Amino acid sequence: MYNNMGSEYAKIIGEALKANKTLTHFSLCENKIGDEGAIVIGEALKHNDVLIHLGLGINNIGDEGAIAIGEALKHNNTLTYLYLSLIHISEPTRRTPISYAVFCLKKKKKKK
């Protein structure tokens, strides 16, 4: 999308993704959603059973947002591709749920 929409619009999109029953590919790359937006998207992922590809790269996502996404992926069984380039997470966070979740995504892709 590349619209620099920020976290307020991410909240609206998060609510839409919770109810989504058709959209399988979606990119929010380069929209400055930050941690607040990533947390909302993470919550939506817990309820979404359709989305397969999600782009969240280049969004000023830090530790809190990355952890929220990682936790959400523990509950999501359909997402197989997650683009997270250029997120700003600390070394300790890289060793927590987000790393585990990314590992699980890779494992899901290999099974298919």
PDB file of N, CA and C in Angstrom:
ATOM      1  N   MET A   1       0.815  -1.199   0.000  1.00  0.00           N
ATOM      2  CA  MET A   1       0.000   0.000   0.000  1.00  0.00           C
ATOM      3  C   MET A   1       0.857   1.262   0.000  1.00  0.00           C
ATOM      4  N   TYR A   2       1.893   1.335   0.771  1.00  0.00           N
ATOM      5  CA  TYR A   2       2.846   2.446   0.793  1.00  0.00           C
ATOM      6  C   TYR A   2       2.170   3.807   0.950  1.00  0.00           C
ATOM      7  N   ASN A   3       1.333   3.949   1.928  1.00  0.00           N
ATOM      8  CA  ASN A   3       0.597   5.195   2.118  1.00  0.00           C
ATOM      9  C   ASN A   3       0.950   5.951   3.386  1.00  0.00           C
ATOM     10  N   ASN A   4       1.876   5.442   4.170  1.00  0.00           N
ATOM     11  CA  ASN A   4       2.225   6.087   5.435  1.00  0.00           C
ATOM     12  C   ASN A   4       0.985   6.363   6.280  1.00  0.00           C
ATOM     13  N   MET A   5       0.116   5.374   6.387  1.00  0.00           N
ATOM     14  CA  MET A   5      -1.163   5.581   7.044  1.00  0.00           C
ATOM     15  C   MET A   5      -1.091   5.668   8.560  1.00  0.00           C
ATOM     16  N   GLY A   6      -0.108   5.088   9.186  1.00  0.00           N
ATOM     17  CA  GLY A   6       0.024   5.165  10.626  1.00  0.00           C
ATOM     18  C   GLY A   6      -0.850   4.166  11.369  1.00  0.00           C
ATOM     19  N   SER A   7      -0.766   4.240  12.694  1.00  0.00           N
ATOM     20  CA  SER A   7      -1.435   3.242  13.535  1.00  0.00           C
ATOM     21  C   SER A   7      -2.949   3.385  13.563  1.00  0.00           C
ATOM     22  N   GLU A   8      -3.478   4.589  13.378  1.00  0.00           N
ATOM     23  CA  GLU A   8      -4.931   4.766  13.415  1.00  0.00           C
ATOM     24  C   GLU A   8      -5.616   3.981  12.296  1.00  0.00           C
ATOM     25  N   TYR A   9      -5.067   4.028  11.107  1.00  0.00           N
ATOM     26  CA  TYR A   9      -5.647   3.271  10.001  1.00  0.00           C
ATOM     27  C   TYR A   9      -5.382   1.776  10.160  1.00  0.00           C
ATOM     28  N   ALA A  10      -4.276   1.440  10.794  1.00  0.00           N
ATOM     29  CA  ALA A  10      -3.981   0.022  11.052  1.00  0.00           C
ATOM     30  C   ALA A  10      -5.055  -0.574  11.955  1.00  0.00           C
ATOM     31  N   LYS A  11      -5.583   0.231  12.868  1.00  0.00           N
ATOM     32  CA  LYS A  11      -6.658  -0.245  13.741  1.00  0.00           C
ATOM     33  C   LYS A  11      -7.905  -0.591  12.923  1.00  0.00           C
ATOM     34  N   ILE A  12      -8.225   0.238  11.961  1.00  0.00           N
ATOM     35  CA  ILE A  12      -9.389  -0.008  11.098  1.00  0.00           C
ATOM     36  C   ILE A  12      -9.158  -1.266  10.269  1.00  0.00           C
ATOM     37  N   ILE A  13      -7.972  -1.385   9.714  1.00  0.00           N
ATOM     38  CA  ILE A  13      -7.639  -2.569   8.916  1.00  0.00           C
ATOM     39  C   ILE A  13      -7.640  -3.823   9.788  1.00  0.00           C
ATOM     40  N   GLY A  14      -7.141  -3.707  10.999  1.00  0.00           N
ATOM     41  CA  GLY A  14      -7.145  -4.838  11.928  1.00  0.00           C
ATOM     42  C   GLY A  14      -8.554  -5.346  12.182  1.00  0.00           C
ATOM     43  N   GLU A  15      -9.480  -4.438  12.384  1.00  0.00           N
ATOM     44  CA  GLU A  15     -10.873  -4.839  12.591  1.00  0.00           C
ATOM     45  C   GLU A  15     -11.432  -5.528  11.347  1.00  0.00           C
ATOM     46  N   ALA A  16     -11.083  -5.011  10.182  1.00  0.00           N
ATOM     47  CA  ALA A  16     -11.551  -5.632   8.928  1.00  0.00           C
ATOM     48  C   ALA A  16     -10.950  -7.019   8.743  1.00  0.00           C
ATOM     49  N   LEU A  17      -9.681  -7.178   9.114  1.00  0.00           N
ATOM     50  CA  LEU A  17      -9.036  -8.487   8.971  1.00  0.00           C
ATOM     51  C   LEU A  17      -9.638  -9.535   9.906  1.00  0.00           C
ATOM     52  N   LYS A  18     -10.132  -9.101  11.052  1.00  0.00           N
ATOM     53  CA  LYS A  18     -10.799 -10.042  11.971  1.00  0.00           C
ATOM     54  C   LYS A  18     -12.019 -10.662  11.305  1.00  0.00           C
ATOM     55  N   ALA A  19     -12.752  -9.853  10.539  1.00  0.00           N
ATOM     56  CA  ALA A  19     -13.987 -10.320   9.903  1.00  0.00           C
ATOM     57  C   ALA A  19     -13.755 -10.882   8.507  1.00  0.00           C
ATOM     58  N   ASN A  20     -12.553 -10.738   7.988  1.00  0.00           N
ATOM     59  CA  ASN A  20     -12.235 -11.143   6.619  1.00  0.00           C
ATOM     60  C   ASN A  20     -12.493 -12.622   6.368  1.00  0.00           C
ATOM     61  N   LYS A  21     -13.162 -12.918   5.269  1.00  0.00           N
ATOM     62  CA  LYS A  21     -13.408 -14.306   4.868  1.00  0.00           C
ATOM     63  C   LYS A  21     -12.965 -14.572   3.426  1.00  0.00           C
ATOM     64  N   THR A  22     -12.363 -13.573   2.761  1.00  0.00           N
ATOM     65  CA  THR A  22     -11.977 -13.764   1.357  1.00  0.00           C
ATOM     66  C   THR A  22     -10.546 -13.347   1.026  1.00  0.00           C
ATOM     67  N   LEU A  23     -10.016 -12.317   1.633  1.00  0.00           N
ATOM     68  CA  LEU A  23      -8.692 -11.788   1.299  1.00  0.00           C
ATOM     69  C   LEU A  23      -7.595 -12.747   1.746  1.00  0.00           C
ATOM     70  N   THR A  24      -6.750 -13.189   0.808  1.00  0.00           N
ATOM     71  CA  THR A  24      -5.686 -14.136   1.138  1.00  0.00           C
ATOM     72  C   THR A  24      -4.294 -13.510   1.116  1.00  0.00           C
ATOM     73  N   HIS A  25      -4.110 -12.417   0.395  1.00  0.00           N
ATOM     74  CA  HIS A  25      -2.812 -11.743   0.290  1.00  0.00           C
ATOM     75  C   HIS A  25      -3.012 -10.261   0.622  1.00  0.00           C
ATOM     76  N   PHE A  26      -2.164  -9.734   1.511  1.00  0.00           N
ATOM     77  CA  PHE A  26      -2.314  -8.327   1.882  1.00  0.00           C
ATOM     78  C   PHE A  26      -0.968  -7.762   2.292  1.00  0.00           C
ATOM     79  N   SER A  27      -0.684  -6.546   1.852  1.00  0.00           N
ATOM     80  CA  SER A  27       0.562  -5.887   2.222  1.00  0.00           C
ATOM     81  C   SER A  27       0.274  -4.549   2.890  1.00  0.00           C
ATOM     82  N   LEU A  28       0.879  -4.362   4.046  1.00  0.00           N
ATOM     83  CA  LEU A  28       0.850  -3.089   4.752  1.00  0.00           C
ATOM     84  C   LEU A  28       2.244  -2.477   4.790  1.00  0.00           C
ATOM     85  N   CYS A  29       3.124  -2.927   3.921  1.00  0.00           N
ATOM     86  CA  CYS A  29       4.509  -2.450   3.917  1.00  0.00           C
ATOM     87  C   CYS A  29       4.577  -0.934   3.741  1.00  0.00           C
ATOM     88  N   GLU A  30       5.547  -0.340   4.413  1.00  0.00           N
ATOM     89  CA  GLU A  30       5.847   1.087   4.330  1.00  0.00           C
ATOM     90  C   GLU A  30       4.659   1.966   4.680  1.00  0.00           C
ATOM     91  N   ASN A  31       4.029   1.685   5.807  1.00  0.00           N
ATOM     92  CA  ASN A  31       2.883   2.478   6.228  1.00  0.00           C
ATOM     93  C   ASN A  31       3.013   3.058   7.628  1.00  0.00           C
ATOM     94  N   LYS A  32       4.176   2.918   8.236  1.00  0.00           N
ATOM     95  CA  LYS A  32       4.453   3.511   9.548  1.00  0.00           C
ATOM     96  C   LYS A  32       3.396   3.138  10.588  1.00  0.00           C
ATOM     97  N   ILE A  33       3.043   1.867  10.650  1.00  0.00           N
ATOM     98  CA  ILE A  33       2.031   1.449  11.624  1.00  0.00           C
ATOM     99  C   ILE A  33       2.600   1.341  13.030  1.00  0.00           C
ATOM    100  N   GLY A  34       3.912   1.183  13.157  1.00  0.00           N
ATOM    101  CA  GLY A  34       4.570   1.122  14.454  1.00  0.00           C
ATOM    102  C   GLY A  34       4.103  -0.041  15.312  1.00  0.00           C
ATOM    103  N   ASP A  35       4.517  -0.002  16.572  1.00  0.00           N
ATOM    104  CA  ASP A  35       4.135  -1.063  17.506  1.00  0.00           C
ATOM    105  C   ASP A  35       2.632  -1.106  17.727  1.00  0.00           C
ATOM    106  N   GLU A  36       2.019   0.060  17.860  1.00  0.00           N
ATOM    107  CA  GLU A  36       0.580   0.121  18.122  1.00  0.00           C
ATOM    108  C   GLU A  36      -0.217  -0.560  17.007  1.00  0.00           C
ATOM    109  N   GLY A  37       0.136  -0.273  15.774  1.00  0.00           N
ATOM    110  CA  GLY A  37      -0.541  -0.904  14.644  1.00  0.00           C
ATOM    111  C   GLY A  37      -0.249  -2.390  14.553  1.00  0.00           C
ATOM    112  N   ALA A  38       0.991  -2.781  14.840  1.00  0.00           N
ATOM    113  CA  ALA A  38       1.366  -4.201  14.785  1.00  0.00           C
ATOM    114  C   ALA A  38       0.614  -5.001  15.850  1.00  0.00           C
ATOM    115  N   ILE A  39       0.397  -4.395  16.998  1.00  0.00           N
ATOM    116  CA  ILE A  39      -0.355  -5.070  18.059  1.00  0.00           C
ATOM    117  C   ILE A  39      -1.788  -5.335  17.601  1.00  0.00           C
ATOM    118  N   VAL A  40      -2.395  -4.364  16.948  1.00  0.00           N
ATOM    119  CA  VAL A  40      -3.765  -4.521  16.438  1.00  0.00           C
ATOM    120  C   VAL A  40      -3.816  -5.578  15.335  1.00  0.00           C
ATOM    121  N   ILE A  41      -2.854  -5.546  14.443  1.00  0.00           N
ATOM    122  CA  ILE A  41      -2.799  -6.547  13.365  1.00  0.00           C
ATOM    123  C   ILE A  41      -2.575  -7.930  13.970  1.00  0.00           C
ATOM    124  N   GLY A  42      -1.732  -8.012  14.984  1.00  0.00           N
ATOM    125  CA  GLY A  42      -1.507  -9.279  15.673  1.00  0.00           C
ATOM    126  C   GLY A  42      -2.789  -9.840  16.257  1.00  0.00           C
ATOM    127  N   GLU A  43      -3.563  -8.981  16.880  1.00  0.00           N
ATOM    128  CA  GLU A  43      -4.843  -9.425  17.446  1.00  0.00           C
ATOM    129  C   GLU A  43      -5.771  -9.930  16.340  1.00  0.00           C
ATOM    130  N   ALA A  44      -5.760  -9.255  15.205  1.00  0.00           N
ATOM    131  CA  ALA A  44      -6.596  -9.681  14.066  1.00  0.00           C
ATOM    132  C   ALA A  44      -6.158 -11.045  13.550  1.00  0.00           C
ATOM    133  N   LEU A  45      -4.849 -11.287  13.531  1.00  0.00           N
ATOM    134  CA  LEU A  45      -4.342 -12.567  13.039  1.00  0.00           C
ATOM    135  C   LEU A  45      -4.811 -13.742  13.893  1.00  0.00           C
ATOM    136  N   LYS A  46      -5.076 -13.492  15.151  1.00  0.00           N
ATOM    137  CA  LYS A  46      -5.568 -14.560  16.032  1.00  0.00           C
ATOM    138  C   LYS A  46      -6.944 -15.050  15.590  1.00  0.00           C
ATOM    139  N   HIS A  47      -7.692 -14.180  14.896  1.00  0.00           N
ATOM    140  CA  HIS A  47      -9.067 -14.491  14.505  1.00  0.00           C
ATOM    141  C   HIS A  47      -9.224 -14.761  13.015  1.00  0.00           C
ATOM    142  N   ASN A  48      -8.193 -14.479  12.244  1.00  0.00           N
ATOM    143  CA  ASN A  48      -8.284 -14.616  10.789  1.00  0.00           C
ATOM    144  C   ASN A  48      -7.839 -16.009  10.367  1.00  0.00           C
ATOM    145  N   ASP A  49      -8.685 -16.709   9.622  1.00  0.00           N
ATOM    146  CA  ASP A  49      -8.331 -18.054   9.171  1.00  0.00           C
ATOM    147  C   ASP A  49      -8.300 -18.166   7.654  1.00  0.00           C
ATOM    148  N   VAL A  50      -8.054 -17.026   6.988  1.00  0.00           N
ATOM    149  CA  VAL A  50      -8.049 -16.990   5.527  1.00  0.00           C
ATOM    150  C   VAL A  50      -6.726 -16.453   4.967  1.00  0.00           C
ATOM    151  N   LEU A  51      -6.158 -15.465   5.623  1.00  0.00           N
ATOM    152  CA  LEU A  51      -4.961 -14.794   5.119  1.00  0.00           C
ATOM    153  C   LEU A  51      -3.781 -15.757   5.031  1.00  0.00           C
ATOM    154  N   ILE A  52      -3.114 -15.771   3.880  1.00  0.00           N
ATOM    155  CA  ILE A  52      -1.973 -16.652   3.649  1.00  0.00           C
ATOM    156  C   ILE A  52      -0.665 -15.853   3.608  1.00  0.00           C
ATOM    157  N   HIS A  53      -0.695 -14.691   2.952  1.00  0.00           N
ATOM    158  CA  HIS A  53       0.484 -13.834   2.797  1.00  0.00           C
ATOM    159  C   HIS A  53       0.209 -12.487   3.458  1.00  0.00           C
ATOM    160  N   LEU A  54       1.151 -12.007   4.280  1.00  0.00           N
ATOM    161  CA  LEU A  54       1.015 -10.699   4.913  1.00  0.00           C
ATOM    162  C   LEU A  54       2.348  -9.978   4.878  1.00  0.00           C
ATOM    163  N   GLY A  55       2.339  -8.770   4.368  1.00  0.00           N
ATOM    164  CA  GLY A  55       3.533  -7.931   4.327  1.00  0.00           C
ATOM    165  C   GLY A  55       3.466  -6.861   5.403  1.00  0.00           C
ATOM    166  N   LEU A  56       4.448  -6.848   6.294  1.00  0.00           N
ATOM    167  CA  LEU A  56       4.516  -5.843   7.363  1.00  0.00           C
ATOM    168  C   LEU A  56       5.874  -5.146   7.419  1.00  0.00           C
ATOM    169  N   GLY A  57       6.682  -5.311   6.400  1.00  0.00           N
ATOM    170  CA  GLY A  57       8.023  -4.733   6.406  1.00  0.00           C
ATOM    171  C   GLY A  57       8.029  -3.219   6.359  1.00  0.00           C
ATOM    172  N   ILE A  58       9.123  -2.647   6.823  1.00  0.00           N
ATOM    173  CA  ILE A  58       9.388  -1.207   6.777  1.00  0.00           C
ATOM    174  C   ILE A  58       8.234  -0.426   7.410  1.00  0.00           C
ATOM    175  N   ASN A  59       7.935  -0.727   8.670  1.00  0.00           N
ATOM    176  CA  ASN A  59       6.798  -0.120   9.349  1.00  0.00           C
ATOM    177  C   ASN A  59       7.120   0.430  10.733  1.00  0.00           C
ATOM    178  N   ASN A  60       8.377   0.616  11.042  1.00  0.00           N
ATOM    179  CA  ASN A  60       8.757   1.119  12.365  1.00  0.00           C
ATOM    180  C   ASN A  60       8.228   0.223  13.488  1.00  0.00           C
ATOM    181  N   ILE A  61       8.213  -1.065  13.246  1.00  0.00           N
ATOM    182  CA  ILE A  61       7.775  -2.017  14.262  1.00  0.00           C
ATOM    183  C   ILE A  61       8.962  -2.343  15.165  1.00  0.00           C
ATOM    184  N   GLY A  62       8.740  -2.244  16.452  1.00  0.00           N
ATOM    185  CA  GLY A  62       9.777  -2.539  17.436  1.00  0.00           C
ATOM    186  C   GLY A  62       9.456  -3.798  18.219  1.00  0.00           C
ATOM    187  N   ASP A  63      10.033  -3.878  19.410  1.00  0.00           N
ATOM    188  CA  ASP A  63       9.882  -5.070  20.245  1.00  0.00           C
ATOM    189  C   ASP A  63       8.434  -5.413  20.561  1.00  0.00           C
ATOM    190  N   GLU A  64       7.656  -4.441  21.015  1.00  0.00           N
ATOM    191  CA  GLU A  64       6.273  -4.724  21.415  1.00  0.00           C
ATOM    192  C   GLU A  64       5.446  -5.253  20.247  1.00  0.00           C
ATOM    193  N   GLY A  65       5.573  -4.628  19.104  1.00  0.00           N
ATOM    194  CA  GLY A  65       4.822  -5.066  17.932  1.00  0.00           C
ATOM    195  C   GLY A  65       5.259  -6.429  17.438  1.00  0.00           C
ATOM    196  N   ALA A  66       6.557  -6.672  17.456  1.00  0.00           N
ATOM    197  CA  ALA A  66       7.078  -7.966  17.001  1.00  0.00           C
ATOM    198  C   ALA A  66       6.620  -9.091  17.918  1.00  0.00           C
ATOM    199  N   ILE A  67       6.616  -8.831  19.204  1.00  0.00           N
ATOM    200  CA  ILE A  67       6.158  -9.846  20.154  1.00  0.00           C
ATOM    201  C   ILE A  67       4.669 -10.126  19.947  1.00  0.00           C
ATOM    202  N   ALA A  68       3.884  -9.077  19.708  1.00  0.00           N
ATOM    203  CA  ALA A  68       2.444  -9.262  19.464  1.00  0.00           C
ATOM    204  C   ALA A  68       2.197 -10.108  18.221  1.00  0.00           C
ATOM    205  N   ILE A  69       2.948  -9.856  17.164  1.00  0.00           N
ATOM    206  CA  ILE A  69       2.811 -10.652  15.937  1.00  0.00           C
ATOM    207  C   ILE A  69       3.219 -12.100  16.215  1.00  0.00           C
ATOM    208  N   GLY A  70       4.317 -12.282  16.923  1.00  0.00           N
ATOM    209  CA  GLY A  70       4.782 -13.634  17.253  1.00  0.00           C
ATOM    210  C   GLY A  70       3.765 -14.410  18.067  1.00  0.00           C
ATOM    211  N   GLU A  71       3.177 -13.761  19.052  1.00  0.00           N
ATOM    212  CA  GLU A  71       2.150 -14.416  19.863  1.00  0.00           C
ATOM    213  C   GLU A  71       0.932 -14.770  19.022  1.00  0.00           C
ATOM    214  N   ALA A  72       0.554 -13.877  18.133  1.00  0.00           N
ATOM    215  CA  ALA A  72      -0.614 -14.122  17.274  1.00  0.00           C
ATOM    216  C   ALA A  72      -0.400 -15.334  16.386  1.00  0.00           C
ATOM    217  N   LEU A  73       0.816 -15.512  15.912  1.00  0.00           N
ATOM    218  CA  LEU A  73       1.094 -16.624  14.999  1.00  0.00           C
ATOM    219  C   LEU A  73       1.014 -17.980  15.688  1.00  0.00           C
ATOM    220  N   LYS A  74       1.070 -17.974  17.002  1.00  0.00           N
ATOM    221  CA  LYS A  74       0.865 -19.230  17.727  1.00  0.00           C
ATOM    222  C   LYS A  74      -0.577 -19.714  17.578  1.00  0.00           C
ATOM    223  N   HIS A  75      -1.490 -18.776  17.301  1.00  0.00           N
ATOM    224  CA  HIS A  75      -2.921 -19.091  17.195  1.00  0.00           C
ATOM    225  C   HIS A  75      -3.409 -19.154  15.751  1.00  0.00           C
ATOM    226  N   ASN A  76      -2.588 -18.735  14.816  1.00  0.00           N
ATOM    227  CA  ASN A  76      -2.998 -18.662  13.416  1.00  0.00           C
ATOM    228  C   ASN A  76      -2.413 -19.845  12.647  1.00  0.00           C
ATOM    229  N   ASN A  77      -3.274 -20.621  12.007  1.00  0.00           N
ATOM    230  CA  ASN A  77      -2.824 -21.812  11.292  1.00  0.00           C
ATOM    231  C   ASN A  77      -2.805 -21.659   9.777  1.00  0.00           C
ATOM    232  N   THR A  78      -3.171 -20.499   9.266  1.00  0.00           N
ATOM    233  CA  THR A  78      -3.257 -20.347   7.808  1.00  0.00           C
ATOM    234  C   THR A  78      -2.137 -19.495   7.213  1.00  0.00           C
ATOM    235  N   LEU A  79      -1.629 -18.532   7.943  1.00  0.00           N
ATOM    236  CA  LEU A  79      -0.594 -17.654   7.401  1.00  0.00           C
ATOM    237  C   LEU A  79       0.675 -18.452   7.131  1.00  0.00           C
ATOM    238  N   THR A  80       1.154 -18.413   5.891  1.00  0.00           N
ATOM    239  CA  THR A  80       2.371 -19.156   5.547  1.00  0.00           C
ATOM    240  C   THR A  80       3.503 -18.237   5.099  1.00  0.00           C
ATOM    241  N   TYR A  81       3.217 -16.960   4.850  1.00  0.00           N
ATOM    242  CA  TYR A  81       4.252 -16.023   4.430  1.00  0.00           C
ATOM    243  C   TYR A  81       4.078 -14.729   5.215  1.00  0.00           C
ATOM    244  N   LEU A  82       5.122 -14.297   5.897  1.00  0.00           N
ATOM    245  CA  LEU A  82       5.110 -13.053   6.652  1.00  0.00           C
ATOM    246  C   LEU A  82       6.366 -12.278   6.311  1.00  0.00           C
ATOM    247  N   TYR A  83       6.197 -11.110   5.741  1.00  0.00           N
ATOM    248  CA  TYR A  83       7.315 -10.254   5.347  1.00  0.00           C
ATOM    249  C   TYR A  83       7.540  -9.231   6.456  1.00  0.00           C
ATOM    250  N   LEU A  84       8.695  -9.302   7.100  1.00  0.00           N
ATOM    251  CA  LEU A  84       9.014  -8.423   8.234  1.00  0.00           C
ATOM    252  C   LEU A  84      10.349  -7.710   8.077  1.00  0.00           C
ATOM    253  N   SER A  85      10.746  -7.368   6.894  1.00  0.00           N
ATOM    254  CA  SER A  85      12.060  -6.736   6.738  1.00  0.00           C
ATOM    255  C   SER A  85      12.102  -5.367   7.406  1.00  0.00           C
ATOM    256  N   LEU A  86      13.283  -5.027   7.841  1.00  0.00           N
ATOM    257  CA  LEU A  86      13.569  -3.733   8.448  1.00  0.00           C
ATOM    258  C   LEU A  86      12.674  -3.394   9.632  1.00  0.00           C
ATOM    259  N   ILE A  87      12.401  -4.374  10.466  1.00  0.00           N
ATOM    260  CA  ILE A  87      11.747  -4.054  11.731  1.00  0.00           C
ATOM    261  C   ILE A  87      12.854  -3.858  12.758  1.00  0.00           C
ATOM    262  N   HIS A  88      12.572  -3.103  13.774  1.00  0.00           N
ATOM    263  CA  HIS A  88      13.600  -2.686  14.729  1.00  0.00           C
ATOM    264  C   HIS A  88      13.409  -3.398  16.059  1.00  0.00           C
ATOM    265  N   ILE A  89      13.903  -4.632  16.136  1.00  0.00           N
ATOM    266  CA  ILE A  89      13.760  -5.382  17.377  1.00  0.00           C
ATOM    267  C   ILE A  89      15.125  -5.642  18.002  1.00  0.00           C
ATOM    268  N   SER A  90      15.125  -5.679  19.314  1.00  0.00           N
ATOM    269  CA  SER A  90      16.373  -5.879  20.052  1.00  0.00           C
ATOM    270  C   SER A  90      16.797  -7.343  20.004  1.00  0.00           C
ATOM    271  N   GLU A  91      18.030  -7.578  20.333  1.00  0.00           N
ATOM    272  CA  GLU A  91      18.565  -8.942  20.345  1.00  0.00           C
ATOM    273  C   GLU A  91      17.769  -9.865  21.273  1.00  0.00           C
ATOM    274  N   PRO A  92      17.435  -9.443  22.502  1.00  0.00           N
ATOM    275  CA  PRO A  92      16.647 -10.340  23.364  1.00  0.00           C
ATOM    276  C   PRO A  92      15.283 -10.714  22.755  1.00  0.00           C
ATOM    277  N   THR A  93      14.646  -9.774  22.063  1.00  0.00           N
ATOM    278  CA  THR A  93      13.341 -10.051  21.446  1.00  0.00           C
ATOM    279  C   THR A  93      13.484 -11.055  20.325  1.00  0.00           C
ATOM    280  N   ARG A  94      14.585 -11.018  19.625  1.00  0.00           N
ATOM    281  CA  ARG A  94      14.799 -11.972  18.529  1.00  0.00           C
ATOM    282  C   ARG A  94      14.823 -13.404  19.025  1.00  0.00           C
ATOM    283  N   ARG A  95      15.005 -13.584  20.303  1.00  0.00           N
ATOM    284  CA  ARG A  95      15.086 -14.932  20.874  1.00  0.00           C
ATOM    285  C   ARG A  95      13.768 -15.365  21.528  1.00  0.00           C
ATOM    286  N   THR A  96      12.719 -14.585  21.365  1.00  0.00           N
ATOM    287  CA  THR A  96      11.441 -14.869  22.023  1.00  0.00           C
ATOM    288  C   THR A  96      10.362 -15.261  21.016  1.00  0.00           C
ATOM    289  N   PRO A  97       9.101 -15.011  21.295  1.00  0.00           N
ATOM    290  CA  PRO A  97       8.011 -15.526  20.455  1.00  0.00           C
ATOM    291  C   PRO A  97       8.109 -15.216  18.959  1.00  0.00           C
ATOM    292  N   ILE A  98       8.629 -14.065  18.596  1.00  0.00           N
ATOM    293  CA  ILE A  98       8.676 -13.742  17.169  1.00  0.00           C
ATOM    294  C   ILE A  98       9.592 -14.715  16.444  1.00  0.00           C
ATOM    295  N   SER A  99      10.723 -15.054  17.034  1.00  0.00           N
ATOM    296  CA  SER A  99      11.625 -16.006  16.398  1.00  0.00           C
ATOM    297  C   SER A  99      10.983 -17.379  16.308  1.00  0.00           C
ATOM    298  N   TYR A 100      10.304 -17.784  17.365  1.00  0.00           N
ATOM    299  CA  TYR A 100       9.613 -19.074  17.378  1.00  0.00           C
ATOM    300  C   TYR A 100       8.525 -19.091  16.304  1.00  0.00           C
ATOM    301  N   ALA A 101       7.783 -17.994  16.204  1.00  0.00           N
ATOM    302  CA  ALA A 101       6.701 -17.926  15.228  1.00  0.00           C
ATOM    303  C   ALA A 101       7.237 -17.988  13.799  1.00  0.00           C
ATOM    304  N   VAL A 102       8.316 -17.283  13.533  1.00  0.00           N
ATOM    305  CA  VAL A 102       8.903 -17.324  12.197  1.00  0.00           C
ATOM    306  C   VAL A 102       9.405 -18.735  11.893  1.00  0.00           C
ATOM    307  N   PHE A 103       9.993 -19.391  12.875  1.00  0.00           N
ATOM    308  CA  PHE A 103      10.415 -20.784  12.706  1.00  0.00           C
ATOM    309  C   PHE A 103       9.210 -21.659  12.344  1.00  0.00           C
ATOM    310  N   CYS A 104       8.108 -21.479  13.036  1.00  0.00           N
ATOM    311  CA  CYS A 104       6.902 -22.262  12.751  1.00  0.00           C
ATOM    312  C   CYS A 104       6.383 -22.001  11.347  1.00  0.00           C
ATOM    313  N   LEU A 105       6.448 -20.744  10.900  1.00  0.00           N
ATOM    314  CA  LEU A 105       6.009 -20.428   9.537  1.00  0.00           C
ATOM    315  C   LEU A 105       6.872 -21.155   8.516  1.00  0.00           C
ATOM    316  N   LYS A 106       8.176 -21.159   8.725  1.00  0.00           N
ATOM    317  CA  LYS A 106       9.079 -21.855   7.810  1.00  0.00           C
ATOM    318  C   LYS A 106       8.771 -23.343   7.784  1.00  0.00           C
ATOM    319  N   LYS A 107       8.472 -23.886   8.937  1.00  0.00           N
ATOM    320  CA  LYS A 107       8.160 -25.300   9.045  1.00  0.00           C
ATOM    321  C   LYS A 107       6.859 -25.624   8.292  1.00  0.00           C
ATOM    322  N   LYS A 108       5.858 -24.750   8.403  1.00  0.00           N
ATOM    323  CA  LYS A 108       4.591 -24.934   7.693  1.00  0.00           C
ATOM    324  C   LYS A 108       4.818 -24.923   6.186  1.00  0.00           C
ATOM    325  N   LYS A 109       5.669 -23.998   5.712  1.00  0.00           N
ATOM    326  CA  LYS A 109       5.934 -23.890   4.278  1.00  0.00           C
ATOM    327  C   LYS A 109       6.580 -25.164   3.756  1.00  0.00           C
ATOM    328  N   LYS A 110       7.478 -25.763   4.523  1.00  0.00           N
ATOM    329  CA  LYS A 110       8.173 -26.976   4.081  1.00  0.00           C
ATOM    330  C   LYS A 110       7.234 -28.160   3.975  1.00  0.00           C
ATOM    331  N   LYS A 111       6.202 -28.212   4.820  1.00  0.00           N
ATOM    332  CA  LYS A 111       5.251 -29.317   4.804  1.00  0.00           C
ATOM    333  C   LYS A 111       4.393 -29.313   3.543  1.00  0.00           C
ATOM    334  N   LYS A 112       4.167 -28.146   2.972  1.00  0.00           N
ATOM    335  CA  LYS A 112       3.280 -28.029   1.804  1.00  0.00           C
ATOM    336  C   LYS A 112       3.954 -28.408   0.517  1.00  0.00           C
TER     337      LYS A 112
END
